[in-house]
Amino acid sequence: MTTTEDFRATLMQVPAQRAAETAPEHGAVMTPHAAKFLGVLRVAMGFVFLWAFLDKTFGWGFATQSKNAWINGGSPTKGFLSRVAVGPFEDTFHSWAGATWADWLFMLGLLGIGVALIAGVAMRIAATSGTAMMLLMWAAEWPLDKTTSAGEPSMSTNPIVDYHIVFALVLIALALTYAGNTWGFGKAWTRLPFVKDNHWLR
């Protein structure tokens, strides 16, 4: 083979070598594009929780009218929980409706989960508390029932998997894939001394 042919062969090998260097390892699923997508998904999920907190706090007229805003004396839980009409926990949710402790836990949960997701920190706590909140809301709507306690159609479209379950699964996936490390402060958060000493804070 001549020198010219050797040179051409080398040039042909370069693209293949670069492709091999940039391709994910066998069995790997976390590519740079996947990490960026999860970063976007994390922020979007955080905005869902944060927006709910802001709307219920200030009554921006979407799900909450100004007169019912939390800062104006309204209860973030009374409207939803007092209307629960399905499932074995109906009476329990009615007793919680409008309770001060329930209002504060719900609102702090929305704020904390929203901020944590958007910032990409404390993802395990956000996923755990967010999943608990979603499961409670699932139980309040109890999609397993076709009719309400008054005999009316419950309007349930799926007896098991609704958006609450999907949201919970997304939160868990974001924590497991360290989604806070992409376009977030996840890496800086895990380097903090008190976080290093308490892995559950990651």
N, C-alpha and C. Protein backbone atom coordinates (compact mmCIF):
# COMPACT_ATOMS: atom_id res chain seq x y z
N MET A 1 0.86 -1.20 0.00
CA MET A 1 0.00 0.00 0.00
C MET A 1 0.89 1.24 0.00
N THR A 2 0.55 2.17 -0.86
CA THR A 2 1.35 3.39 -0.96
C THR A 2 1.06 4.32 0.21
N THR A 3 1.92 5.34 0.32
CA THR A 3 1.73 6.31 1.40
C THR A 3 0.41 7.03 1.26
N THR A 4 0.05 7.36 0.01
CA THR A 4 -1.23 8.05 -0.23
C THR A 4 -2.40 7.19 0.20
N GLU A 5 -2.32 5.90 -0.10
CA GLU A 5 -3.40 4.98 0.28
C GLU A 5 -3.48 4.83 1.79
N ASP A 6 -2.32 4.80 2.45
CA ASP A 6 -2.29 4.73 3.92
C ASP A 6 -2.97 5.96 4.52
N PHE A 7 -2.67 7.12 3.94
CA PHE A 7 -3.25 8.37 4.45
C PHE A 7 -4.78 8.36 4.30
N ARG A 8 -5.25 7.89 3.15
CA ARG A 8 -6.69 7.82 2.91
C ARG A 8 -7.36 6.84 3.88
N ALA A 9 -6.73 5.74 4.14
CA ALA A 9 -7.29 4.74 5.05
C ALA A 9 -7.39 5.31 6.46
N THR A 10 -6.35 6.09 6.83
CA THR A 10 -6.38 6.71 8.17
C THR A 10 -7.51 7.70 8.29
N LEU A 11 -7.73 8.50 7.24
CA LEU A 11 -8.83 9.47 7.26
C LEU A 11 -10.18 8.79 7.37
N MET A 12 -10.32 7.65 6.74
CA MET A 12 -11.58 6.92 6.80
C MET A 12 -11.83 6.33 8.18
N GLN A 13 -10.77 6.05 8.93
CA GLN A 13 -10.92 5.47 10.26
C GLN A 13 -11.29 6.50 11.31
N VAL A 14 -10.94 7.78 11.05
CA VAL A 14 -11.18 8.83 12.05
C VAL A 14 -12.65 8.96 12.43
N PRO A 15 -13.60 9.06 11.44
CA PRO A 15 -15.02 9.17 11.82
C PRO A 15 -15.49 7.99 12.64
N ALA A 16 -15.01 6.79 12.29
CA ALA A 16 -15.42 5.61 13.04
C ALA A 16 -14.90 5.66 14.47
N GLN A 17 -13.66 6.13 14.64
CA GLN A 17 -13.10 6.24 15.98
C GLN A 17 -13.85 7.27 16.82
N ARG A 18 -14.18 8.41 16.20
CA ARG A 18 -14.93 9.44 16.93
C ARG A 18 -16.31 8.94 17.33
N ALA A 19 -16.95 8.21 16.44
CA ALA A 19 -18.27 7.66 16.75
C ALA A 19 -18.18 6.71 17.92
N ALA A 20 -17.11 5.90 17.93
CA ALA A 20 -16.94 4.95 19.02
C ALA A 20 -16.68 5.66 20.34
N GLU A 21 -15.94 6.78 20.27
CA GLU A 21 -15.63 7.52 21.50
C GLU A 21 -16.86 8.23 22.07
N THR A 22 -17.76 8.67 21.21
CA THR A 22 -18.91 9.44 21.68
C THR A 22 -20.14 8.57 21.92
N ALA A 23 -20.11 7.32 21.42
CA ALA A 23 -21.27 6.44 21.61
C ALA A 23 -21.34 5.99 23.06
N PRO A 24 -22.55 5.79 23.59
CA PRO A 24 -22.69 5.31 24.97
C PRO A 24 -22.15 3.89 25.10
N GLU A 25 -21.69 3.55 26.29
CA GLU A 25 -21.20 2.20 26.52
C GLU A 25 -22.33 1.20 26.35
N HIS A 26 -21.96 -0.04 26.12
CA HIS A 26 -22.96 -1.08 25.92
C HIS A 26 -23.86 -1.17 27.15
N GLY A 27 -25.15 -1.08 26.93
CA GLY A 27 -26.11 -1.16 28.02
C GLY A 27 -26.41 0.16 28.68
N ALA A 28 -25.65 1.22 28.38
CA ALA A 28 -25.90 2.52 29.00
C ALA A 28 -27.09 3.20 28.35
N VAL A 29 -27.88 3.91 29.16
CA VAL A 29 -29.06 4.61 28.64
C VAL A 29 -28.97 6.11 28.86
N MET A 30 -28.04 6.56 29.69
CA MET A 30 -27.96 7.98 30.01
C MET A 30 -26.98 8.68 29.06
N THR A 31 -27.47 9.08 27.92
CA THR A 31 -26.67 9.85 26.97
C THR A 31 -26.76 11.32 27.33
N PRO A 32 -25.89 12.17 26.79
CA PRO A 32 -25.99 13.61 27.06
C PRO A 32 -27.35 14.19 26.70
N HIS A 33 -27.92 13.72 25.59
CA HIS A 33 -29.23 14.22 25.20
C HIS A 33 -30.31 13.79 26.20
N ALA A 34 -30.19 12.57 26.69
CA ALA A 34 -31.16 12.08 27.68
C ALA A 34 -31.05 12.88 28.97
N ALA A 35 -29.83 13.20 29.38
CA ALA A 35 -29.63 13.98 30.61
C ALA A 35 -30.24 15.36 30.47
N LYS A 36 -30.08 15.98 29.30
CA LYS A 36 -30.66 17.30 29.08
C LYS A 36 -32.19 17.24 29.08
N PHE A 37 -32.73 16.20 28.47
CA PHE A 37 -34.18 16.05 28.46
C PHE A 37 -34.72 15.90 29.88
N LEU A 38 -34.03 15.10 30.69
CA LEU A 38 -34.46 14.92 32.08
C LEU A 38 -34.34 16.21 32.86
N GLY A 39 -33.34 17.02 32.51
CA GLY A 39 -33.22 18.33 33.16
C GLY A 39 -34.42 19.21 32.85
N VAL A 40 -34.85 19.20 31.60
CA VAL A 40 -36.03 19.97 31.21
C VAL A 40 -37.28 19.42 31.89
N LEU A 41 -37.40 18.09 31.93
CA LEU A 41 -38.55 17.45 32.58
C LEU A 41 -38.59 17.80 34.06
N ARG A 42 -37.42 17.85 34.70
CA ARG A 42 -37.34 18.19 36.12
C ARG A 42 -37.86 19.60 36.38
N VAL A 43 -37.41 20.55 35.57
CA VAL A 43 -37.86 21.94 35.74
C VAL A 43 -39.36 22.06 35.48
N ALA A 44 -39.84 21.36 34.46
CA ALA A 44 -41.27 21.41 34.15
C ALA A 44 -42.11 20.87 35.30
N MET A 45 -41.67 19.75 35.88
CA MET A 45 -42.39 19.18 37.01
C MET A 45 -42.33 20.13 38.21
N GLY A 46 -41.19 20.76 38.41
CA GLY A 46 -41.07 21.71 39.51
C GLY A 46 -42.01 22.88 39.35
N PHE A 47 -42.17 23.33 38.11
CA PHE A 47 -43.06 24.46 37.84
C PHE A 47 -44.51 24.10 38.10
N VAL A 48 -44.88 22.83 37.89
CA VAL A 48 -46.25 22.38 38.19
C VAL A 48 -46.54 22.58 39.67
N PHE A 49 -45.63 22.15 40.51
CA PHE A 49 -45.83 22.28 41.96
C PHE A 49 -45.73 23.74 42.40
N LEU A 50 -44.74 24.46 41.89
CA LEU A 50 -44.56 25.85 42.32
C LEU A 50 -45.73 26.71 41.88
N TRP A 51 -46.24 26.49 40.66
CA TRP A 51 -47.38 27.27 40.19
C TRP A 51 -48.61 27.03 41.06
N ALA A 52 -48.83 25.77 41.44
CA ALA A 52 -49.97 25.45 42.30
C ALA A 52 -49.85 26.21 43.63
N PHE A 53 -48.63 26.27 44.17
CA PHE A 53 -48.42 27.01 45.41
C PHE A 53 -48.72 28.49 45.23
N LEU A 54 -48.20 29.08 44.17
CA LEU A 54 -48.38 30.52 43.95
C LEU A 54 -49.84 30.87 43.68
N ASP A 55 -50.51 30.07 42.88
CA ASP A 55 -51.91 30.36 42.56
C ASP A 55 -52.80 30.25 43.79
N LYS A 56 -52.54 29.24 44.62
CA LYS A 56 -53.35 29.06 45.83
C LYS A 56 -53.00 30.12 46.88
N THR A 57 -51.76 30.59 46.87
CA THR A 57 -51.35 31.60 47.84
C THR A 57 -51.91 32.98 47.51
N PHE A 58 -51.80 33.37 46.24
CA PHE A 58 -52.16 34.73 45.84
C PHE A 58 -53.48 34.83 45.07
N GLY A 59 -54.07 33.70 44.71
CA GLY A 59 -55.35 33.72 44.01
C GLY A 59 -55.28 34.44 42.68
N TRP A 60 -54.51 33.90 41.76
CA TRP A 60 -54.32 34.54 40.46
C TRP A 60 -55.46 34.29 39.49
N GLY A 61 -56.50 33.61 39.95
CA GLY A 61 -57.69 33.44 39.12
C GLY A 61 -57.69 32.22 38.22
N PHE A 62 -56.75 31.34 38.36
CA PHE A 62 -56.74 30.12 37.55
C PHE A 62 -57.52 29.03 38.30
N ALA A 63 -56.87 28.33 39.22
CA ALA A 63 -57.60 27.36 40.04
C ALA A 63 -58.18 28.01 41.29
N THR A 64 -57.63 29.18 41.65
CA THR A 64 -58.04 29.85 42.89
C THR A 64 -58.36 31.31 42.61
N GLN A 65 -59.55 31.72 43.01
CA GLN A 65 -59.94 33.13 42.87
C GLN A 65 -59.30 33.96 43.98
N SER A 66 -59.16 35.25 43.74
CA SER A 66 -58.48 36.13 44.69
C SER A 66 -59.11 36.08 46.08
N LYS A 67 -60.44 36.03 46.14
CA LYS A 67 -61.12 36.02 47.44
C LYS A 67 -60.82 34.75 48.24
N ASN A 68 -60.42 33.69 47.54
CA ASN A 68 -60.13 32.43 48.21
C ASN A 68 -58.64 32.18 48.42
N ALA A 69 -57.82 33.20 48.09
CA ALA A 69 -56.37 33.05 48.22
C ALA A 69 -55.98 32.80 49.67
N TRP A 70 -54.90 32.08 49.84
CA TRP A 70 -54.43 31.76 51.20
C TRP A 70 -54.10 33.03 51.98
N ILE A 71 -53.51 34.01 51.32
CA ILE A 71 -53.14 35.24 52.02
C ILE A 71 -54.38 36.06 52.39
N ASN A 72 -55.51 35.74 51.79
CA ASN A 72 -56.75 36.44 52.11
C ASN A 72 -57.65 35.64 53.04
N GLY A 73 -57.07 34.64 53.68
CA GLY A 73 -57.82 33.85 54.65
C GLY A 73 -58.45 32.59 54.10
N GLY A 74 -58.25 32.31 52.81
CA GLY A 74 -58.81 31.10 52.23
C GLY A 74 -58.03 29.87 52.65
N SER A 75 -58.67 28.71 52.50
CA SER A 75 -58.02 27.45 52.85
C SER A 75 -57.66 26.69 51.58
N PRO A 76 -56.39 26.32 51.41
CA PRO A 76 -55.98 25.59 50.21
C PRO A 76 -56.52 24.17 50.13
N THR A 77 -56.95 23.63 51.28
CA THR A 77 -57.40 22.22 51.29
C THR A 77 -58.91 22.06 51.42
N LYS A 78 -59.59 23.09 51.92
CA LYS A 78 -61.00 22.92 52.23
C LYS A 78 -61.85 22.60 51.01
N GLY A 79 -61.65 23.33 49.92
CA GLY A 79 -62.47 23.12 48.74
C GLY A 79 -62.33 21.71 48.19
N PHE A 80 -61.11 21.26 48.01
CA PHE A 80 -60.86 19.94 47.42
C PHE A 80 -61.28 18.81 48.35
N LEU A 81 -60.80 18.84 49.59
CA LEU A 81 -61.05 17.74 50.50
C LEU A 81 -62.51 17.66 50.94
N SER A 82 -63.18 18.79 51.05
CA SER A 82 -64.58 18.76 51.47
C SER A 82 -65.49 18.19 50.40
N ARG A 83 -65.00 18.16 49.15
CA ARG A 83 -65.80 17.62 48.05
C ARG A 83 -65.50 16.16 47.74
N VAL A 84 -64.62 15.55 48.51
CA VAL A 84 -64.32 14.13 48.29
C VAL A 84 -65.60 13.32 48.50
N ALA A 85 -65.96 12.52 47.51
CA ALA A 85 -67.22 11.77 47.58
C ALA A 85 -67.05 10.33 47.15
N VAL A 86 -65.82 9.84 47.21
CA VAL A 86 -65.54 8.45 46.81
C VAL A 86 -64.51 7.85 47.75
N GLY A 87 -64.48 6.52 47.76
CA GLY A 87 -63.42 5.82 48.46
C GLY A 87 -63.64 5.60 49.94
N PRO A 88 -62.84 4.73 50.52
CA PRO A 88 -62.97 4.39 51.94
C PRO A 88 -62.46 5.46 52.90
N PHE A 89 -61.77 6.47 52.37
CA PHE A 89 -61.22 7.52 53.23
C PHE A 89 -62.00 8.83 53.13
N GLU A 90 -63.19 8.76 52.63
CA GLU A 90 -64.00 9.97 52.43
C GLU A 90 -64.18 10.76 53.72
N ASP A 91 -64.57 10.10 54.78
CA ASP A 91 -64.78 10.79 56.05
C ASP A 91 -63.48 11.36 56.61
N THR A 92 -62.39 10.63 56.42
CA THR A 92 -61.08 11.11 56.90
C THR A 92 -60.69 12.40 56.20
N PHE A 93 -60.83 12.42 54.89
CA PHE A 93 -60.48 13.62 54.14
C PHE A 93 -61.39 14.79 54.49
N HIS A 94 -62.66 14.52 54.76
CA HIS A 94 -63.58 15.58 55.19
C HIS A 94 -63.14 16.19 56.51
N SER A 95 -62.64 15.34 57.40
CA SER A 95 -62.19 15.85 58.71
C SER A 95 -60.91 16.68 58.58
N TRP A 96 -60.13 16.43 57.53
CA TRP A 96 -58.90 17.19 57.31
C TRP A 96 -59.16 18.52 56.60
N ALA A 97 -60.26 18.61 55.89
CA ALA A 97 -60.54 19.77 55.05
C ALA A 97 -60.53 21.07 55.86
N GLY A 98 -59.68 21.99 55.46
CA GLY A 98 -59.63 23.29 56.11
C GLY A 98 -58.84 23.34 57.40
N ALA A 99 -58.31 22.20 57.86
CA ALA A 99 -57.52 22.20 59.09
C ALA A 99 -56.23 22.98 58.88
N THR A 100 -55.84 23.75 59.87
CA THR A 100 -54.64 24.58 59.73
C THR A 100 -53.41 23.74 59.43
N TRP A 101 -53.26 22.62 60.14
CA TRP A 101 -52.08 21.78 59.92
C TRP A 101 -52.07 21.21 58.50
N ALA A 102 -53.25 20.86 57.99
CA ALA A 102 -53.34 20.32 56.63
C ALA A 102 -52.98 21.39 55.60
N ASP A 103 -53.48 22.61 55.82
CA ASP A 103 -53.16 23.71 54.90
C ASP A 103 -51.66 23.97 54.84
N TRP A 104 -51.03 24.04 56.02
CA TRP A 104 -49.60 24.34 56.06
C TRP A 104 -48.76 23.20 55.47
N LEU A 105 -49.10 21.96 55.79
CA LEU A 105 -48.34 20.84 55.24
C LEU A 105 -48.46 20.80 53.72
N PHE A 106 -49.67 21.01 53.23
CA PHE A 106 -49.91 20.97 51.79
C PHE A 106 -49.15 22.07 51.08
N MET A 107 -49.23 23.28 51.59
CA MET A 107 -48.59 24.41 50.93
C MET A 107 -47.06 24.36 51.03
N LEU A 108 -46.55 23.98 52.19
CA LEU A 108 -45.10 23.83 52.33
C LEU A 108 -44.59 22.71 51.42
N GLY A 109 -45.41 21.67 51.26
CA GLY A 109 -45.04 20.59 50.36
C GLY A 109 -44.95 21.06 48.93
N LEU A 110 -45.97 21.80 48.47
CA LEU A 110 -45.95 22.33 47.11
C LEU A 110 -44.74 23.23 46.88
N LEU A 111 -44.49 24.12 47.83
CA LEU A 111 -43.37 25.06 47.69
C LEU A 111 -42.03 24.33 47.72
N GLY A 112 -41.85 23.46 48.70
CA GLY A 112 -40.58 22.76 48.85
C GLY A 112 -40.26 21.87 47.66
N ILE A 113 -41.25 21.10 47.21
CA ILE A 113 -41.04 20.21 46.08
C ILE A 113 -40.76 21.01 44.82
N GLY A 114 -41.52 22.08 44.61
CA GLY A 114 -41.32 22.91 43.43
C GLY A 114 -39.95 23.53 43.37
N VAL A 115 -39.52 24.14 44.47
CA VAL A 115 -38.20 24.78 44.51
C VAL A 115 -37.08 23.75 44.37
N ALA A 116 -37.21 22.61 45.06
CA ALA A 116 -36.18 21.58 44.99
C ALA A 116 -36.01 21.05 43.57
N LEU A 117 -37.12 20.82 42.88
CA LEU A 117 -37.04 20.30 41.52
C LEU A 117 -36.43 21.31 40.56
N ILE A 118 -36.88 22.55 40.65
CA ILE A 118 -36.35 23.57 39.74
C ILE A 118 -34.86 23.79 39.99
N ALA A 119 -34.46 23.80 41.25
CA ALA A 119 -33.04 24.01 41.58
C ALA A 119 -32.21 22.74 41.38
N GLY A 120 -32.86 21.59 41.39
CA GLY A 120 -32.14 20.33 41.22
C GLY A 120 -31.45 19.84 42.47
N VAL A 121 -31.98 20.23 43.64
CA VAL A 121 -31.37 19.83 44.91
C VAL A 121 -32.36 18.99 45.72
N ALA A 122 -31.81 18.24 46.68
CA ALA A 122 -32.65 17.42 47.57
C ALA A 122 -33.66 16.60 46.78
N MET A 123 -33.20 15.96 45.72
CA MET A 123 -34.09 15.25 44.83
C MET A 123 -34.76 14.05 45.50
N ARG A 124 -34.04 13.39 46.40
CA ARG A 124 -34.63 12.23 47.09
C ARG A 124 -35.79 12.67 47.97
N ILE A 125 -35.60 13.77 48.69
CA ILE A 125 -36.67 14.27 49.55
C ILE A 125 -37.86 14.72 48.71
N ALA A 126 -37.56 15.43 47.61
CA ALA A 126 -38.63 15.90 46.73
C ALA A 126 -39.41 14.74 46.15
N ALA A 127 -38.71 13.69 45.74
CA ALA A 127 -39.38 12.53 45.16
C ALA A 127 -40.22 11.79 46.20
N THR A 128 -39.69 11.65 47.41
CA THR A 128 -40.41 10.94 48.46
C THR A 128 -41.66 11.71 48.90
N SER A 129 -41.48 12.99 49.20
CA SER A 129 -42.63 13.79 49.65
C SER A 129 -43.63 14.00 48.52
N GLY A 130 -43.14 14.19 47.30
CA GLY A 130 -44.03 14.36 46.17
C GLY A 130 -44.84 13.11 45.88
N THR A 131 -44.20 11.95 46.00
CA THR A 131 -44.91 10.69 45.81
C THR A 131 -45.98 10.51 46.87
N ALA A 132 -45.65 10.83 48.12
CA ALA A 132 -46.64 10.72 49.20
C ALA A 132 -47.83 11.64 48.93
N MET A 133 -47.56 12.86 48.48
CA MET A 133 -48.64 13.80 48.18
C MET A 133 -49.51 13.28 47.04
N MET A 134 -48.88 12.76 45.99
CA MET A 134 -49.64 12.25 44.85
C MET A 134 -50.50 11.05 45.24
N LEU A 135 -49.97 10.18 46.10
CA LEU A 135 -50.74 9.02 46.52
C LEU A 135 -51.94 9.43 47.38
N LEU A 136 -51.77 10.44 48.21
CA LEU A 136 -52.89 10.94 49.00
C LEU A 136 -53.96 11.55 48.11
N MET A 137 -53.54 12.29 47.10
CA MET A 137 -54.50 12.89 46.18
C MET A 137 -55.19 11.81 45.33
N TRP A 138 -54.44 10.76 44.99
CA TRP A 138 -55.04 9.63 44.28
C TRP A 138 -56.11 8.98 45.15
N ALA A 139 -55.79 8.81 46.43
CA ALA A 139 -56.75 8.20 47.35
C ALA A 139 -57.98 9.07 47.53
N ALA A 140 -57.78 10.40 47.48
CA ALA A 140 -58.92 11.32 47.63
C ALA A 140 -59.86 11.22 46.42
N GLU A 141 -59.31 11.00 45.24
CA GLU A 141 -60.14 10.88 44.05
C GLU A 141 -60.59 9.44 43.81
N TRP A 142 -59.88 8.50 44.39
CA TRP A 142 -60.21 7.07 44.38
C TRP A 142 -60.81 6.61 43.05
N PRO A 143 -59.98 6.54 42.02
CA PRO A 143 -60.48 6.18 40.69
C PRO A 143 -61.00 4.76 40.57
N LEU A 144 -60.85 3.95 41.61
CA LEU A 144 -61.37 2.59 41.58
C LEU A 144 -62.89 2.56 41.58
N ASP A 145 -63.52 3.62 42.11
CA ASP A 145 -64.98 3.67 42.19
C ASP A 145 -65.57 4.26 40.92
N LYS A 146 -66.60 3.58 40.39
CA LYS A 146 -67.30 4.08 39.22
C LYS A 146 -68.36 5.11 39.59
N THR A 147 -68.84 5.05 40.84
CA THR A 147 -69.86 5.98 41.30
C THR A 147 -69.45 6.61 42.62
N THR A 148 -69.99 7.77 42.92
CA THR A 148 -69.72 8.45 44.18
C THR A 148 -70.59 7.86 45.29
N SER A 149 -70.40 8.34 46.50
CA SER A 149 -71.20 7.86 47.62
C SER A 149 -72.65 8.26 47.47
N ALA A 150 -72.93 9.25 46.61
CA ALA A 150 -74.31 9.67 46.35
C ALA A 150 -74.93 8.94 45.16
N GLY A 151 -74.16 8.03 44.57
CA GLY A 151 -74.67 7.26 43.45
C GLY A 151 -74.47 7.90 42.09
N GLU A 152 -73.75 9.03 42.05
CA GLU A 152 -73.49 9.71 40.78
C GLU A 152 -72.23 9.12 40.12
N PRO A 153 -72.11 9.23 38.79
CA PRO A 153 -70.88 8.76 38.12
C PRO A 153 -69.65 9.49 38.65
N SER A 154 -68.62 8.76 38.94
CA SER A 154 -67.41 9.37 39.49
C SER A 154 -66.55 10.01 38.41
N MET A 155 -66.82 9.71 37.16
CA MET A 155 -66.07 10.22 36.01
C MET A 155 -64.63 9.69 35.98
N SER A 156 -64.40 8.58 36.66
CA SER A 156 -63.09 7.96 36.63
C SER A 156 -62.85 7.36 35.24
N THR A 157 -61.68 7.63 34.68
CA THR A 157 -61.37 7.12 33.34
C THR A 157 -60.42 5.94 33.37
N ASN A 158 -59.74 5.74 34.48
CA ASN A 158 -58.82 4.61 34.62
C ASN A 158 -58.82 4.21 36.09
N PRO A 159 -59.12 2.96 36.41
CA PRO A 159 -59.27 2.57 37.81
C PRO A 159 -57.98 2.53 38.62
N ILE A 160 -56.84 2.57 37.97
CA ILE A 160 -55.58 2.43 38.71
C ILE A 160 -54.59 3.54 38.40
N VAL A 161 -54.23 3.70 37.13
CA VAL A 161 -53.18 4.65 36.76
C VAL A 161 -53.80 5.93 36.23
N ASP A 162 -53.71 7.00 37.03
CA ASP A 162 -54.11 8.32 36.56
C ASP A 162 -52.90 9.23 36.64
N TYR A 163 -53.11 10.53 36.44
CA TYR A 163 -51.95 11.43 36.36
C TYR A 163 -51.19 11.53 37.68
N HIS A 164 -51.86 11.26 38.81
CA HIS A 164 -51.15 11.29 40.10
C HIS A 164 -50.08 10.20 40.14
N ILE A 165 -50.42 9.02 39.66
CA ILE A 165 -49.46 7.91 39.64
C ILE A 165 -48.34 8.21 38.66
N VAL A 166 -48.68 8.76 37.51
CA VAL A 166 -47.66 9.11 36.52
C VAL A 166 -46.71 10.16 37.08
N PHE A 167 -47.25 11.18 37.74
CA PHE A 167 -46.40 12.22 38.35
C PHE A 167 -45.46 11.60 39.39
N ALA A 168 -45.98 10.69 40.21
CA ALA A 168 -45.15 10.04 41.23
C ALA A 168 -44.01 9.26 40.58
N LEU A 169 -44.31 8.53 39.52
CA LEU A 169 -43.28 7.76 38.82
C LEU A 169 -42.23 8.68 38.20
N VAL A 170 -42.66 9.81 37.67
CA VAL A 170 -41.71 10.78 37.09
C VAL A 170 -40.78 11.32 38.17
N LEU A 171 -41.33 11.65 39.33
CA LEU A 171 -40.52 12.16 40.44
C LEU A 171 -39.46 11.14 40.86
N ILE A 172 -39.87 9.88 40.96
CA ILE A 172 -38.93 8.83 41.34
C ILE A 172 -37.85 8.67 40.29
N ALA A 173 -38.24 8.70 39.01
CA ALA A 173 -37.28 8.56 37.92
C ALA A 173 -36.27 9.71 37.94
N LEU A 174 -36.72 10.92 38.20
CA LEU A 174 -35.83 12.08 38.24
C LEU A 174 -34.79 11.94 39.35
N ALA A 175 -35.22 11.41 40.49
CA ALA A 175 -34.28 11.23 41.60
C ALA A 175 -33.28 10.12 41.29
N LEU A 176 -33.75 9.02 40.71
CA LEU A 176 -32.88 7.87 40.42
C LEU A 176 -31.85 8.18 39.35
N THR A 177 -32.17 9.08 38.45
CA THR A 177 -31.26 9.40 37.34
C THR A 177 -30.43 10.66 37.61
N TYR A 178 -30.47 11.17 38.84
CA TYR A 178 -29.69 12.36 39.22
C TYR A 178 -29.95 13.52 38.25
N ALA A 179 -31.22 13.74 37.96
CA ALA A 179 -31.59 14.78 37.00
C ALA A 179 -31.22 16.18 37.48
N GLY A 180 -30.98 16.34 38.76
CA GLY A 180 -30.59 17.65 39.28
C GLY A 180 -29.19 18.06 38.89
N ASN A 181 -28.40 17.13 38.35
CA ASN A 181 -27.02 17.45 37.97
C ASN A 181 -26.93 18.18 36.63
N THR A 182 -28.00 18.12 35.84
CA THR A 182 -28.00 18.77 34.53
C THR A 182 -28.85 20.04 34.61
N TRP A 183 -28.22 21.18 34.35
CA TRP A 183 -28.91 22.46 34.42
C TRP A 183 -29.54 22.68 35.80
N GLY A 184 -28.85 22.21 36.81
CA GLY A 184 -29.32 22.38 38.18
C GLY A 184 -28.14 22.45 39.12
N PHE A 185 -28.41 22.55 40.40
CA PHE A 185 -27.35 22.67 41.40
C PHE A 185 -27.10 21.36 42.14
N GLY A 186 -27.45 20.25 41.49
CA GLY A 186 -27.32 18.94 42.13
C GLY A 186 -25.91 18.61 42.57
N LYS A 187 -24.94 18.83 41.69
CA LYS A 187 -23.55 18.49 42.03
C LYS A 187 -23.03 19.36 43.17
N ALA A 188 -23.32 20.65 43.11
CA ALA A 188 -22.88 21.55 44.18
C ALA A 188 -23.56 21.19 45.49
N TRP A 189 -24.81 20.80 45.42
CA TRP A 189 -25.58 20.42 46.62
C TRP A 189 -24.94 19.21 47.31
N THR A 190 -24.57 18.19 46.53
CA THR A 190 -24.02 16.97 47.12
C THR A 190 -22.63 17.19 47.70
N ARG A 191 -21.97 18.29 47.32
CA ARG A 191 -20.64 18.57 47.88
C ARG A 191 -20.70 19.30 49.22
N LEU A 192 -21.89 19.76 49.61
CA LEU A 192 -22.01 20.45 50.89
C LEU A 192 -21.75 19.47 52.03
N PRO A 193 -21.01 19.90 53.06
CA PRO A 193 -20.64 18.99 54.17
C PRO A 193 -21.84 18.29 54.82
N PHE A 194 -22.91 19.03 55.12
CA PHE A 194 -24.04 18.40 55.82
C PHE A 194 -24.79 17.43 54.92
N VAL A 195 -24.69 17.62 53.61
CA VAL A 195 -25.32 16.67 52.69
C VAL A 195 -24.46 15.42 52.56
N LYS A 196 -23.12 15.60 52.54
CA LYS A 196 -22.23 14.44 52.49
C LYS A 196 -22.43 13.54 53.69
N ASP A 197 -22.70 14.14 54.86
CA ASP A 197 -22.87 13.37 56.08
C ASP A 197 -24.26 12.75 56.19
N ASN A 198 -25.19 13.20 55.38
CA ASN A 198 -26.56 12.70 55.43
C ASN A 198 -27.03 12.41 53.99
N HIS A 199 -26.78 11.18 53.55
CA HIS A 199 -27.07 10.83 52.16
C HIS A 199 -28.54 10.98 51.80
N TRP A 200 -29.42 10.91 52.79
CA TRP A 200 -30.85 11.02 52.50
C TRP A 200 -31.23 12.44 52.03
N LEU A 201 -30.32 13.40 52.23
CA LEU A 201 -30.56 14.76 51.80
C LEU A 201 -30.26 14.97 50.32
N ARG A 202 -29.64 14.01 49.66
CA ARG A 202 -29.24 14.18 48.27
C ARG A 202 -30.45 14.18 47.34
